[in-house]
Structures are given as C-alpha cells and as structure tokens.
Amino acid sequence: MIYLLRHGLDDESKIGGWSNVCLTKKGVKQVSDAGDFIKNNITFNKIISSDVKRARQTAEIISKKTNKKVIYTDLLREQNKGDYNGVLKSNLKNDDYFLGDIRIYDRYPNGESLLDLYFRIEKLLLIIDKWDNDLLVTHRGVINMIYYLLNNKKPDMYKDSFDVSHASVHKLDLKNKKIERIY
C-alpha cells in the first residue's frame, strides 16, 4: 500500500508549479490535522516528498508527528509551469497564453503540457510500485493524474477533477489499480 498526501494551502495568489511558494498559516494547520490522522490511522515506513518548498514543509510537519525519515525527490513535483512558475496571477490578467484555451498538449513556455505530466506520472507509477508502504507528499496535479491513469482516462483540462483538496490523504493500491481518498 502507498499513501499520498497533498501539501497544505500555499500562497494561491501565485502560480505554483515548480516554484518555491510557502505554506500559509492555514496550510500548516491543515497539515498538522492531517498529521494527527496519519499518526493515528496509518502505518508506513518512510516519507518520500516532492522537493519543492510547500511539499518539503508538509513532509517536515508529518515527520515530526510520526518520527519518520524523509527522502526528497523531484519525481513527485507538480506540473512544470515553466516561465509562469511563481508568477503573481494578478500580473497575468492580460496574458493571452495564460487566459487562452490551453489544451492538454499545449506546453507552458519552458514547461510541461498536461500530457507531458500524464506520461511522467505514468512512468512514476512503475517506480513507486517498489516504494511499498510509504507516504508520498506531492501535489494536486500528480494525484489527479494517478486517478486518471488508474481509471483509464485521458486528462481533459481537469474537467473530471477528483477530490484532491489541500492536505488530503489518499490510499493507493497499485496491485488492484485502486485509489481512494481516506482523509
């Protein structure tokens, strides 16, 4: 069994992606509450976390609550928004690309398309099959793509978005190709 935890609330005035935006106070509280649930309900070996700041902060909070070691990796990063990573959304009010109808194969300038993310996560599933009984700290896009892959769906601009709110916990059973939200 593998468990997935989305990071807590971050500064939503900025584009996340691969940027190092921090958790907000509310985000820290969300993660602390999720940590209590994890500590009392899940047995796992270690924490494997995305290496961007908001995920690192999340992993550190969970590590303190559970006394588990953290390993950081770029494999669990969110979709790379390229030139848009960390940019204030208010600065993009007149940006034709950002406001346009972005299709699943349209790449962010110097970044990834949703289809790139889909294929990256498809490869990731082959790797995490070896990470048995671990807690992965990651992002909405990554968890959503796992839902898409296990439900044999192609991503369509998150029109079929799954319930992946901040600090939500999901149980992933790769052997039976099942994923479900448990917190």
N, C-alpha and C. Protein backbone atom coordinates (compact mmCIF):
# COMPACT_ATOMS: atom_id res chain seq x y z
N MET A 1 0.84 -1.18 0.00
CA MET A 1 0.00 0.00 0.00
C MET A 1 0.89 1.24 0.00
N ILE A 2 0.45 2.25 -0.71
CA ILE A 2 1.13 3.53 -0.74
C ILE A 2 0.10 4.60 -0.37
N TYR A 3 0.55 5.59 0.38
CA TYR A 3 -0.33 6.67 0.79
C TYR A 3 0.17 7.96 0.17
N LEU A 4 -0.76 8.78 -0.29
CA LEU A 4 -0.44 10.06 -0.92
C LEU A 4 -1.03 11.18 -0.07
N LEU A 5 -0.23 12.21 0.16
CA LEU A 5 -0.68 13.39 0.90
C LEU A 5 -0.40 14.61 0.04
N ARG A 6 -1.44 15.39 -0.23
CA ARG A 6 -1.23 16.66 -0.91
C ARG A 6 -0.75 17.68 0.11
N HIS A 7 0.15 18.55 -0.30
CA HIS A 7 0.64 19.60 0.59
C HIS A 7 -0.51 20.49 1.06
N GLY A 8 -0.27 21.25 2.12
CA GLY A 8 -1.27 22.17 2.64
C GLY A 8 -1.40 23.41 1.77
N LEU A 9 -2.34 24.27 2.14
CA LEU A 9 -2.61 25.50 1.41
C LEU A 9 -1.36 26.36 1.31
N ASP A 10 -1.12 26.86 0.10
CA ASP A 10 0.02 27.75 -0.13
C ASP A 10 -0.50 29.11 -0.59
N ASP A 11 0.40 29.97 -0.99
CA ASP A 11 0.04 31.31 -1.46
C ASP A 11 -0.63 31.18 -2.83
N GLU A 12 -1.95 31.18 -2.84
CA GLU A 12 -2.69 30.95 -4.08
C GLU A 12 -2.73 32.17 -4.99
N SER A 13 -2.09 33.26 -4.59
CA SER A 13 -2.02 34.42 -5.47
C SER A 13 -0.94 34.21 -6.54
N LYS A 14 -0.14 33.16 -6.38
CA LYS A 14 0.95 32.86 -7.32
C LYS A 14 0.71 31.52 -8.00
N ILE A 15 1.28 31.39 -9.19
CA ILE A 15 1.27 30.11 -9.89
C ILE A 15 2.22 29.18 -9.14
N GLY A 16 1.76 27.99 -8.81
CA GLY A 16 2.59 27.04 -8.06
C GLY A 16 3.63 26.36 -8.92
N GLY A 17 3.23 25.29 -9.60
CA GLY A 17 4.17 24.56 -10.43
C GLY A 17 5.41 24.16 -9.66
N TRP A 18 6.56 24.47 -10.23
CA TRP A 18 7.84 24.12 -9.60
C TRP A 18 8.39 25.25 -8.74
N SER A 19 7.58 26.28 -8.48
CA SER A 19 8.06 27.41 -7.67
C SER A 19 8.12 27.03 -6.20
N ASN A 20 8.84 27.81 -5.45
CA ASN A 20 9.02 27.54 -4.02
C ASN A 20 8.13 28.43 -3.16
N VAL A 21 6.83 28.46 -3.47
CA VAL A 21 5.90 29.17 -2.60
C VAL A 21 5.75 28.39 -1.29
N CYS A 22 5.49 29.11 -0.22
CA CYS A 22 5.41 28.51 1.12
C CYS A 22 3.97 28.19 1.51
N LEU A 23 3.84 27.33 2.52
CA LEU A 23 2.54 27.09 3.12
C LEU A 23 2.08 28.35 3.86
N THR A 24 0.79 28.57 3.88
CA THR A 24 0.22 29.64 4.69
C THR A 24 0.01 29.10 6.11
N LYS A 25 -0.39 29.99 7.03
CA LYS A 25 -0.71 29.52 8.39
C LYS A 25 -1.82 28.48 8.35
N LYS A 26 -2.83 28.74 7.51
CA LYS A 26 -3.92 27.78 7.36
C LYS A 26 -3.39 26.45 6.81
N GLY A 27 -2.46 26.52 5.87
CA GLY A 27 -1.87 25.31 5.30
C GLY A 27 -1.12 24.50 6.34
N VAL A 28 -0.39 25.18 7.22
CA VAL A 28 0.33 24.49 8.30
C VAL A 28 -0.67 23.78 9.21
N LYS A 29 -1.79 24.44 9.52
CA LYS A 29 -2.83 23.84 10.37
C LYS A 29 -3.45 22.63 9.68
N GLN A 30 -3.74 22.76 8.38
CA GLN A 30 -4.31 21.64 7.63
C GLN A 30 -3.40 20.41 7.70
N VAL A 31 -2.11 20.64 7.49
CA VAL A 31 -1.14 19.55 7.51
C VAL A 31 -1.01 18.96 8.91
N SER A 32 -1.03 19.81 9.91
CA SER A 32 -0.96 19.33 11.29
C SER A 32 -2.14 18.41 11.60
N ASP A 33 -3.33 18.81 11.17
CA ASP A 33 -4.53 17.98 11.37
C ASP A 33 -4.42 16.66 10.61
N ALA A 34 -3.95 16.74 9.36
CA ALA A 34 -3.75 15.52 8.57
C ALA A 34 -2.71 14.63 9.23
N GLY A 35 -1.69 15.26 9.81
CA GLY A 35 -0.65 14.51 10.51
C GLY A 35 -1.20 13.73 11.69
N ASP A 36 -2.15 14.32 12.40
CA ASP A 36 -2.79 13.60 13.51
C ASP A 36 -3.54 12.37 12.99
N PHE A 37 -4.25 12.56 11.88
CA PHE A 37 -4.96 11.42 11.26
C PHE A 37 -3.97 10.34 10.85
N ILE A 38 -2.90 10.75 10.18
CA ILE A 38 -1.90 9.79 9.70
C ILE A 38 -1.27 9.04 10.87
N LYS A 39 -0.88 9.78 11.90
CA LYS A 39 -0.24 9.17 13.07
C LYS A 39 -1.14 8.12 13.72
N ASN A 40 -2.43 8.39 13.78
CA ASN A 40 -3.36 7.51 14.47
C ASN A 40 -3.98 6.41 13.61
N ASN A 41 -3.84 6.51 12.28
CA ASN A 41 -4.56 5.58 11.41
C ASN A 41 -3.73 4.86 10.35
N ILE A 42 -2.50 5.29 10.14
CA ILE A 42 -1.71 4.70 9.05
C ILE A 42 -0.36 4.25 9.58
N THR A 43 0.02 3.05 9.19
CA THR A 43 1.35 2.55 9.50
C THR A 43 2.14 2.57 8.19
N PHE A 44 3.27 3.25 8.20
CA PHE A 44 4.09 3.34 6.99
C PHE A 44 5.56 3.39 7.37
N ASN A 45 6.43 3.16 6.38
CA ASN A 45 7.87 3.05 6.63
C ASN A 45 8.60 4.39 6.62
N LYS A 46 8.37 5.17 5.57
CA LYS A 46 9.09 6.43 5.43
C LYS A 46 8.25 7.41 4.61
N ILE A 47 8.72 8.65 4.58
CA ILE A 47 8.08 9.71 3.80
C ILE A 47 8.96 10.00 2.60
N ILE A 48 8.35 10.00 1.42
CA ILE A 48 9.06 10.40 0.20
C ILE A 48 8.32 11.63 -0.31
N SER A 49 9.04 12.73 -0.45
CA SER A 49 8.38 14.01 -0.73
C SER A 49 8.94 14.70 -1.97
N SER A 50 8.05 15.41 -2.65
CA SER A 50 8.47 16.36 -3.67
C SER A 50 9.46 17.33 -3.02
N ASP A 51 10.40 17.81 -3.82
CA ASP A 51 11.45 18.67 -3.26
C ASP A 51 11.13 20.16 -3.30
N VAL A 52 9.93 20.55 -3.74
CA VAL A 52 9.60 21.98 -3.72
C VAL A 52 9.15 22.38 -2.31
N LYS A 53 9.30 23.65 -2.00
CA LYS A 53 9.21 24.13 -0.61
C LYS A 53 7.91 23.75 0.10
N ARG A 54 6.75 23.96 -0.54
CA ARG A 54 5.48 23.70 0.14
C ARG A 54 5.33 22.22 0.49
N ALA A 55 5.86 21.34 -0.36
CA ALA A 55 5.83 19.91 -0.07
C ALA A 55 6.84 19.56 1.01
N ARG A 56 8.03 20.19 0.95
CA ARG A 56 9.04 19.95 1.99
C ARG A 56 8.51 20.35 3.36
N GLN A 57 7.86 21.51 3.43
CA GLN A 57 7.29 21.96 4.71
C GLN A 57 6.25 20.96 5.21
N THR A 58 5.43 20.46 4.30
CA THR A 58 4.42 19.47 4.65
C THR A 58 5.08 18.20 5.19
N ALA A 59 6.09 17.71 4.48
CA ALA A 59 6.79 16.49 4.90
C ALA A 59 7.44 16.65 6.26
N GLU A 60 8.01 17.83 6.52
CA GLU A 60 8.68 18.06 7.80
C GLU A 60 7.68 18.03 8.96
N ILE A 61 6.49 18.59 8.75
CA ILE A 61 5.45 18.57 9.79
C ILE A 61 5.04 17.13 10.08
N ILE A 62 4.82 16.35 9.02
CA ILE A 62 4.42 14.95 9.19
C ILE A 62 5.54 14.15 9.84
N SER A 63 6.77 14.43 9.47
CA SER A 63 7.92 13.73 10.04
C SER A 63 8.01 13.94 11.54
N LYS A 64 7.79 15.18 11.97
CA LYS A 64 7.83 15.48 13.41
C LYS A 64 6.72 14.75 14.17
N LYS A 65 5.55 14.64 13.56
CA LYS A 65 4.43 13.97 14.22
C LYS A 65 4.59 12.45 14.26
N THR A 66 5.23 11.89 13.23
CA THR A 66 5.29 10.43 13.11
C THR A 66 6.68 9.85 13.39
N ASN A 67 7.67 10.74 13.51
CA ASN A 67 9.05 10.30 13.74
C ASN A 67 9.57 9.43 12.59
N LYS A 68 9.17 9.76 11.37
CA LYS A 68 9.60 9.01 10.18
C LYS A 68 10.59 9.85 9.38
N LYS A 69 11.52 9.16 8.74
CA LYS A 69 12.55 9.77 7.90
C LYS A 69 11.91 10.30 6.61
N VAL A 70 12.48 11.42 6.09
CA VAL A 70 12.00 12.00 4.83
C VAL A 70 13.09 11.90 3.77
N ILE A 71 12.70 11.47 2.58
CA ILE A 71 13.56 11.47 1.40
C ILE A 71 12.92 12.42 0.40
N TYR A 72 13.72 13.32 -0.19
CA TYR A 72 13.19 14.29 -1.15
C TYR A 72 13.56 13.87 -2.57
N THR A 73 12.63 14.10 -3.50
CA THR A 73 12.85 13.74 -4.90
C THR A 73 12.12 14.71 -5.82
N ASP A 74 12.68 14.92 -7.00
CA ASP A 74 12.00 15.75 -7.99
C ASP A 74 10.94 14.95 -8.78
N LEU A 75 10.90 13.65 -8.58
CA LEU A 75 9.93 12.81 -9.30
C LEU A 75 8.48 13.11 -8.92
N LEU A 76 8.28 13.68 -7.74
CA LEU A 76 6.92 13.93 -7.25
C LEU A 76 6.49 15.38 -7.45
N ARG A 77 7.23 16.13 -8.25
CA ARG A 77 6.89 17.55 -8.47
C ARG A 77 5.58 17.71 -9.25
N GLU A 78 4.98 18.87 -9.04
CA GLU A 78 3.79 19.30 -9.77
C GLU A 78 4.15 19.53 -11.24
N GLN A 79 3.14 19.78 -12.05
CA GLN A 79 3.37 20.14 -13.45
C GLN A 79 4.28 21.36 -13.52
N ASN A 80 5.28 21.30 -14.39
CA ASN A 80 6.19 22.43 -14.57
C ASN A 80 5.49 23.51 -15.39
N LYS A 81 5.22 24.64 -14.76
CA LYS A 81 4.54 25.75 -15.44
C LYS A 81 5.54 26.67 -16.15
N GLY A 82 6.80 26.25 -16.23
CA GLY A 82 7.82 26.98 -16.99
C GLY A 82 7.97 28.42 -16.57
N ASP A 83 7.84 29.33 -17.53
CA ASP A 83 8.01 30.76 -17.28
C ASP A 83 6.97 31.31 -16.30
N TYR A 84 5.91 30.56 -16.04
CA TYR A 84 4.84 31.01 -15.15
C TYR A 84 5.05 30.58 -13.70
N ASN A 85 6.00 29.70 -13.43
CA ASN A 85 6.25 29.26 -12.06
C ASN A 85 6.49 30.46 -11.14
N GLY A 86 5.69 30.57 -10.08
CA GLY A 86 5.89 31.61 -9.07
C GLY A 86 5.39 32.99 -9.44
N VAL A 87 4.83 33.16 -10.63
CA VAL A 87 4.36 34.47 -11.08
C VAL A 87 3.04 34.81 -10.40
N LEU A 88 2.88 36.07 -9.99
CA LEU A 88 1.61 36.52 -9.41
C LEU A 88 0.51 36.39 -10.47
N LYS A 89 -0.58 35.77 -10.11
CA LYS A 89 -1.69 35.60 -11.05
C LYS A 89 -2.24 36.95 -11.50
N SER A 90 -2.19 37.95 -10.61
CA SER A 90 -2.70 39.28 -10.97
C SER A 90 -1.87 39.92 -12.08
N ASN A 91 -0.63 39.49 -12.26
CA ASN A 91 0.21 40.01 -13.34
C ASN A 91 -0.13 39.37 -14.69
N LEU A 92 -1.02 38.40 -14.69
CA LEU A 92 -1.34 37.68 -15.92
C LEU A 92 -2.72 38.01 -16.46
N LYS A 93 -3.32 39.09 -15.96
CA LYS A 93 -4.68 39.45 -16.38
C LYS A 93 -4.78 39.74 -17.87
N ASN A 94 -3.69 40.16 -18.49
CA ASN A 94 -3.70 40.47 -19.92
C ASN A 94 -2.83 39.50 -20.72
N ASP A 95 -2.51 38.37 -20.14
CA ASP A 95 -1.64 37.40 -20.78
C ASP A 95 -2.48 36.46 -21.66
N ASP A 96 -2.31 36.59 -22.97
CA ASP A 96 -3.12 35.80 -23.90
C ASP A 96 -2.91 34.30 -23.73
N TYR A 97 -1.67 33.89 -23.48
CA TYR A 97 -1.42 32.45 -23.32
C TYR A 97 -2.11 31.92 -22.07
N PHE A 98 -1.89 32.61 -20.95
CA PHE A 98 -2.44 32.14 -19.68
C PHE A 98 -3.96 32.14 -19.69
N LEU A 99 -4.57 33.15 -20.30
CA LEU A 99 -6.02 33.27 -20.32
C LEU A 99 -6.67 32.47 -21.45
N GLY A 100 -5.86 31.99 -22.37
CA GLY A 100 -6.39 31.27 -23.53
C GLY A 100 -6.90 29.89 -23.19
N ASP A 101 -7.42 29.23 -24.20
CA ASP A 101 -7.95 27.87 -24.06
C ASP A 101 -6.78 26.89 -24.23
N ILE A 102 -6.14 26.58 -23.12
CA ILE A 102 -4.97 25.70 -23.16
C ILE A 102 -5.47 24.26 -23.27
N ARG A 103 -4.98 23.56 -24.29
CA ARG A 103 -5.36 22.17 -24.49
C ARG A 103 -4.34 21.25 -23.82
N ILE A 104 -4.67 19.98 -23.70
CA ILE A 104 -3.82 19.07 -22.93
C ILE A 104 -2.41 18.92 -23.51
N TYR A 105 -2.24 19.20 -24.79
CA TYR A 105 -0.92 19.06 -25.40
C TYR A 105 -0.18 20.39 -25.51
N ASP A 106 -0.78 21.50 -25.07
CA ASP A 106 -0.11 22.81 -25.10
C ASP A 106 0.84 22.92 -23.92
N ARG A 107 2.12 23.16 -24.22
CA ARG A 107 3.13 23.30 -23.16
C ARG A 107 3.19 24.75 -22.68
N TYR A 108 3.36 24.89 -21.36
CA TYR A 108 3.71 26.20 -20.84
C TYR A 108 5.07 26.56 -21.42
N PRO A 109 5.33 27.83 -21.74
CA PRO A 109 6.65 28.20 -22.25
C PRO A 109 7.74 27.74 -21.28
N ASN A 110 8.66 26.92 -21.78
CA ASN A 110 9.75 26.33 -20.99
C ASN A 110 9.24 25.41 -19.89
N GLY A 111 8.05 24.85 -20.08
CA GLY A 111 7.46 23.96 -19.08
C GLY A 111 6.86 22.72 -19.70
N GLU A 112 5.85 22.17 -19.03
CA GLU A 112 5.20 20.93 -19.46
C GLU A 112 3.75 21.18 -19.87
N SER A 113 3.26 20.31 -20.72
CA SER A 113 1.83 20.25 -21.01
C SER A 113 1.19 19.27 -20.02
N LEU A 114 -0.13 19.24 -19.98
CA LEU A 114 -0.81 18.24 -19.15
C LEU A 114 -0.49 16.83 -19.63
N LEU A 115 -0.34 16.69 -20.95
CA LEU A 115 0.01 15.38 -21.49
C LEU A 115 1.42 14.96 -21.07
N ASP A 116 2.36 15.92 -21.04
CA ASP A 116 3.71 15.62 -20.53
C ASP A 116 3.62 15.12 -19.09
N LEU A 117 2.82 15.82 -18.27
CA LEU A 117 2.66 15.42 -16.87
C LEU A 117 2.05 14.02 -16.79
N TYR A 118 1.04 13.76 -17.60
CA TYR A 118 0.38 12.46 -17.63
C TYR A 118 1.40 11.34 -17.88
N PHE A 119 2.25 11.52 -18.90
CA PHE A 119 3.23 10.49 -19.23
C PHE A 119 4.32 10.39 -18.17
N ARG A 120 4.68 11.51 -17.56
CA ARG A 120 5.68 11.49 -16.47
C ARG A 120 5.14 10.70 -15.28
N ILE A 121 3.87 10.89 -14.95
CA ILE A 121 3.28 10.18 -13.82
C ILE A 121 3.05 8.71 -14.17
N GLU A 122 2.77 8.42 -15.42
CA GLU A 122 2.66 7.02 -15.85
C GLU A 122 3.97 6.28 -15.59
N LYS A 123 5.10 6.92 -15.90
CA LYS A 123 6.42 6.33 -15.61
C LYS A 123 6.66 6.25 -14.11
N LEU A 124 6.21 7.27 -13.38
CA LEU A 124 6.38 7.29 -11.92
C LEU A 124 5.70 6.08 -11.28
N LEU A 125 4.53 5.69 -11.79
CA LEU A 125 3.81 4.55 -11.22
C LEU A 125 4.63 3.27 -11.29
N LEU A 126 5.47 3.15 -12.30
CA LEU A 126 6.34 1.97 -12.39
C LEU A 126 7.40 1.99 -11.30
N ILE A 127 7.82 3.18 -10.91
CA ILE A 127 8.84 3.32 -9.87
C ILE A 127 8.22 3.16 -8.48
N ILE A 128 7.09 3.82 -8.24
CA ILE A 128 6.53 3.79 -6.88
C ILE A 128 5.97 2.42 -6.52
N ASP A 129 5.82 1.56 -7.50
CA ASP A 129 5.42 0.19 -7.21
C ASP A 129 6.44 -0.48 -6.28
N LYS A 130 7.67 0.02 -6.32
CA LYS A 130 8.74 -0.51 -5.46
C LYS A 130 8.77 0.18 -4.09
N TRP A 131 8.06 1.29 -3.94
CA TRP A 131 8.02 2.03 -2.68
C TRP A 131 6.84 1.51 -1.86
N ASP A 132 6.95 0.33 -1.36
CA ASP A 132 5.83 -0.29 -0.66
C ASP A 132 5.68 0.27 0.75
N ASN A 133 4.46 0.60 1.09
CA ASN A 133 4.10 1.06 2.43
C ASN A 133 4.80 2.36 2.83
N ASP A 134 4.83 3.31 1.91
CA ASP A 134 5.42 4.62 2.16
C ASP A 134 4.36 5.70 2.00
N LEU A 135 4.64 6.87 2.57
CA LEU A 135 3.78 8.04 2.44
C LEU A 135 4.45 9.00 1.47
N LEU A 136 3.78 9.34 0.38
CA LEU A 136 4.31 10.26 -0.62
C LEU A 136 3.65 11.62 -0.45
N VAL A 137 4.46 12.65 -0.30
CA VAL A 137 3.96 14.02 -0.19
C VAL A 137 4.13 14.67 -1.56
N THR A 138 3.02 15.10 -2.14
CA THR A 138 3.08 15.59 -3.51
C THR A 138 2.02 16.67 -3.75
N HIS A 139 1.54 16.77 -4.98
CA HIS A 139 0.73 17.90 -5.42
C HIS A 139 -0.58 17.43 -6.07
N ARG A 140 -1.49 18.35 -6.22
CA ARG A 140 -2.81 18.06 -6.81
C ARG A 140 -2.68 17.44 -8.20
N GLY A 141 -1.85 18.05 -9.04
CA GLY A 141 -1.71 17.56 -10.41
C GLY A 141 -1.22 16.12 -10.46
N VAL A 142 -0.27 15.79 -9.61
CA VAL A 142 0.29 14.43 -9.57
C VAL A 142 -0.79 13.44 -9.12
N ILE A 143 -1.48 13.77 -8.03
CA ILE A 143 -2.50 12.86 -7.51
C ILE A 143 -3.65 12.73 -8.51
N ASN A 144 -4.06 13.85 -9.13
CA ASN A 144 -5.10 13.79 -10.15
C ASN A 144 -4.71 12.87 -11.30
N MET A 145 -3.46 12.97 -11.75
CA MET A 145 -3.01 12.13 -12.86
C MET A 145 -3.02 10.66 -12.47
N ILE A 146 -2.71 10.35 -11.22
CA ILE A 146 -2.79 8.96 -10.77
C ILE A 146 -4.24 8.48 -10.84
N TYR A 147 -5.18 9.33 -10.42
CA TYR A 147 -6.60 8.98 -10.55
C TYR A 147 -6.96 8.74 -12.02
N TYR A 148 -6.51 9.64 -12.90
CA TYR A 148 -6.79 9.47 -14.33
C TYR A 148 -6.23 8.14 -14.83
N LEU A 149 -4.98 7.87 -14.53
CA LEU A 149 -4.34 6.65 -15.02
C LEU A 149 -5.03 5.39 -14.51
N LEU A 150 -5.37 5.35 -13.24
CA LEU A 150 -5.99 4.15 -12.68
C LEU A 150 -7.44 3.98 -13.13
N ASN A 151 -8.05 5.06 -13.62
CA ASN A 151 -9.41 4.99 -14.14
C ASN A 151 -9.44 4.97 -15.67
N ASN A 152 -8.26 4.75 -16.28
CA ASN A 152 -8.12 4.67 -17.74
C ASN A 152 -8.73 5.87 -18.46
N LYS A 153 -8.48 7.07 -17.92
CA LYS A 153 -8.97 8.30 -18.53
C LYS A 153 -7.79 9.14 -19.00
N LYS A 154 -8.00 9.86 -20.07
CA LYS A 154 -7.02 10.85 -20.51
C LYS A 154 -7.39 12.18 -19.85
N PRO A 155 -6.39 12.96 -19.45
CA PRO A 155 -6.70 14.24 -18.80
C PRO A 155 -7.33 15.20 -19.80
N ASP A 156 -8.37 15.87 -19.38
CA ASP A 156 -9.06 16.83 -20.24
C ASP A 156 -9.22 18.14 -19.49
N MET A 157 -8.09 18.77 -19.21
CA MET A 157 -8.08 20.07 -18.53
C MET A 157 -8.81 20.00 -17.19
N TYR A 158 -8.68 18.90 -16.51
CA TYR A 158 -9.26 18.72 -15.18
C TYR A 158 -10.78 18.84 -15.17
N LYS A 159 -11.43 18.55 -16.29
CA LYS A 159 -12.89 18.57 -16.30
C LYS A 159 -13.45 17.47 -15.40
N ASP A 160 -12.69 16.39 -15.25
CA ASP A 160 -13.07 15.31 -14.34
C ASP A 160 -12.18 15.34 -13.12
N SER A 161 -11.98 16.51 -12.55
CA SER A 161 -11.09 16.65 -11.41
C SER A 161 -11.60 15.81 -10.23
N PHE A 162 -10.67 15.21 -9.54
CA PHE A 162 -11.00 14.37 -8.40
C PHE A 162 -10.86 15.17 -7.11
N ASP A 163 -11.32 14.62 -6.01
CA ASP A 163 -11.34 15.32 -4.73
C ASP A 163 -9.94 15.29 -4.10
N VAL A 164 -9.14 16.26 -4.49
CA VAL A 164 -7.75 16.33 -4.03
C VAL A 164 -7.52 17.70 -3.38
N SER A 165 -8.22 17.96 -2.30
CA SER A 165 -8.07 19.25 -1.62
C SER A 165 -6.77 19.27 -0.83
N HIS A 166 -6.41 20.46 -0.35
CA HIS A 166 -5.17 20.62 0.41
C HIS A 166 -5.14 19.68 1.61
N ALA A 167 -4.01 19.04 1.83
CA ALA A 167 -3.75 18.13 2.96
C ALA A 167 -4.67 16.91 2.96
N SER A 168 -5.20 16.55 1.79
CA SER A 168 -6.00 15.32 1.70
C SER A 168 -5.07 14.11 1.62
N VAL A 169 -5.56 12.98 2.13
CA VAL A 169 -4.79 11.74 2.16
C VAL A 169 -5.51 10.71 1.30
N HIS A 170 -4.74 10.01 0.47
CA HIS A 170 -5.29 9.03 -0.46
C HIS A 170 -4.54 7.71 -0.32
N LYS A 171 -5.28 6.63 -0.40
CA LYS A 171 -4.69 5.29 -0.32
C LYS A 171 -4.59 4.73 -1.73
N LEU A 172 -3.39 4.32 -2.12
CA LEU A 172 -3.12 3.83 -3.46
C LEU A 172 -2.75 2.35 -3.39
N ASP A 173 -3.56 1.53 -4.05
CA ASP A 173 -3.33 0.09 -4.14
C ASP A 173 -3.03 -0.23 -5.60
N LEU A 174 -1.75 -0.26 -5.95
CA LEU A 174 -1.37 -0.47 -7.35
C LEU A 174 -1.68 -1.88 -7.83
N LYS A 175 -1.60 -2.85 -6.96
CA LYS A 175 -1.88 -4.24 -7.37
C LYS A 175 -3.31 -4.38 -7.89
N ASN A 176 -4.24 -3.73 -7.25
CA ASN A 176 -5.64 -3.79 -7.67
C ASN A 176 -6.08 -2.56 -8.45
N LYS A 177 -5.14 -1.67 -8.75
CA LYS A 177 -5.40 -0.45 -9.51
C LYS A 177 -6.54 0.36 -8.90
N LYS A 178 -6.41 0.62 -7.59
CA LYS A 178 -7.43 1.40 -6.89
C LYS A 178 -6.78 2.54 -6.12
N ILE A 179 -7.48 3.65 -6.10
CA ILE A 179 -7.06 4.80 -5.30
C ILE A 179 -8.32 5.40 -4.69
N GLU A 180 -8.22 5.78 -3.42
CA GLU A 180 -9.37 6.39 -2.77
C GLU A 180 -8.90 7.41 -1.74
N ARG A 181 -9.71 8.44 -1.58
CA ARG A 181 -9.43 9.43 -0.55
C ARG A 181 -9.86 8.87 0.80
N ILE A 182 -8.97 8.97 1.80
CA ILE A 182 -9.31 8.46 3.13
C ILE A 182 -9.33 9.56 4.18
N TYR A 183 -8.86 10.77 3.82
CA TYR A 183 -8.93 11.91 4.74
C TYR A 183 -8.91 13.19 3.93
